[in-house]
Amino acid sequence: MTLIGDLLQIYVLVLILRAVLSFFPVRPDSGLIPIMRALDTVIDPLLMPLRRVIPPLGMFDMSFLALILIVEVAASFFPSTIHII
């Protein structure tokens, strides 16, 4: 059970990292492109359904916040040794 809680907390950290990286412009030849693609591969399967339901608020994607809250609520049911939020 602790493993599930830890994985959910790491997923929240990945979400926050991707949200922070989205504020910085990235050139196509940048070394961050493979990292951002890897993060998107992990995040998009859960984020895309939320993006269809939750419209952006100006230039801010509120689906990130909704997904963080959903994962945190799910993580609250499992013990964890990692506490991010």
Protein backbone atom coordinates (compact mmCIF):
# COMPACT_ATOMS: atom_id res chain seq x y z
CA MET A 1 0.00 0.00 0.00
CA THR A 2 2.84 2.37 0.74
CA LEU A 3 4.18 1.84 -2.78
CA ILE A 4 0.91 3.07 -4.31
CA GLY A 5 0.91 6.16 -2.11
CA ASP A 6 4.54 6.89 -2.99
CA LEU A 7 3.88 6.48 -6.72
CA LEU A 8 0.92 8.85 -6.53
CA GLN A 9 3.06 11.45 -4.74
CA ILE A 10 5.79 11.09 -7.39
CA TYR A 11 3.11 11.54 -10.06
CA VAL A 12 2.10 14.83 -8.41
CA LEU A 13 5.74 15.92 -8.51
CA VAL A 14 5.88 15.07 -12.23
CA LEU A 15 2.71 17.11 -12.80
CA ILE A 16 4.14 20.11 -10.99
CA LEU A 17 7.44 19.82 -12.89
CA ARG A 18 5.61 19.75 -16.23
CA ALA A 19 3.43 22.71 -15.24
CA VAL A 20 6.51 24.76 -14.31
CA LEU A 21 8.31 23.81 -17.53
CA SER A 22 5.31 24.95 -19.57
CA PHE A 23 5.99 28.57 -18.54
CA PHE A 24 9.40 28.61 -20.24
CA PRO A 25 9.80 28.85 -24.01
CA VAL A 26 11.61 25.85 -25.44
CA ARG A 27 13.38 25.91 -28.79
CA PRO A 28 13.04 22.86 -31.05
CA ASP A 29 16.78 22.16 -30.72
CA SER A 30 16.70 22.37 -26.92
CA GLY A 31 17.75 19.46 -24.75
CA LEU A 32 14.51 19.82 -22.80
CA ILE A 33 12.39 18.50 -25.67
CA PRO A 34 13.00 14.79 -24.87
CA ILE A 35 12.29 15.43 -21.18
CA MET A 36 9.06 17.27 -21.94
CA ARG A 37 7.94 14.52 -24.33
CA ALA A 38 8.63 11.88 -21.68
CA LEU A 39 6.64 13.88 -19.11
CA ASP A 40 3.79 14.32 -21.60
CA THR A 41 3.76 10.57 -22.25
CA VAL A 42 3.18 9.96 -18.55
CA ILE A 43 0.76 12.85 -17.97
CA ASP A 44 -1.40 13.05 -21.12
CA PRO A 45 -3.43 9.83 -20.70
CA LEU A 46 -5.03 11.25 -17.54
CA LEU A 47 -4.90 14.92 -18.51
CA MET A 48 -6.56 14.78 -21.95
CA PRO A 49 -10.02 13.70 -20.70
CA LEU A 50 -9.95 16.56 -18.18
CA ARG A 51 -8.93 19.04 -20.88
CA ARG A 52 -12.06 18.09 -22.83
CA VAL A 53 -14.24 18.95 -19.82
CA ILE A 54 -12.38 21.85 -18.16
CA PRO A 55 -11.80 24.90 -20.39
CA PRO A 56 -8.59 26.92 -19.98
CA LEU A 57 -8.80 30.05 -17.87
CA GLY A 58 -7.12 32.58 -20.13
CA MET A 59 -3.68 31.14 -20.78
CA PHE A 60 -3.78 28.85 -17.73
CA ASP A 61 -4.68 25.19 -18.06
CA MET A 62 -6.88 24.43 -15.05
CA SER A 63 -6.92 20.71 -15.87
CA PHE A 64 -3.42 20.42 -14.30
CA LEU A 65 -4.79 21.72 -11.01
CA ALA A 66 -7.80 19.42 -11.22
CA LEU A 67 -5.58 16.40 -11.88
CA ILE A 68 -3.28 17.31 -8.98
CA LEU A 69 -6.31 17.52 -6.68
CA ILE A 70 -7.69 14.20 -7.95
CA VAL A 71 -4.35 12.44 -7.46
CA GLU A 72 -3.93 13.98 -3.99
CA VAL A 73 -7.39 12.79 -2.95
CA ALA A 74 -6.58 9.31 -4.27
CA ALA A 75 -3.21 9.39 -2.45
CA SER A 76 -4.91 10.28 0.81
CA PHE A 77 -6.37 6.76 0.89
CA PHE A 78 -2.91 5.16 0.80
CA PRO A 79 -0.08 5.58 3.30
CA SER A 80 3.00 7.25 1.85
CA THR A 81 6.54 7.98 2.97
CA ILE A 82 6.73 10.93 0.54
CA HIS A 83 4.70 14.10 1.18
CA ILE A 84 4.84 16.73 -1.55
CA ILE A 85 1.75 18.82 -0.92
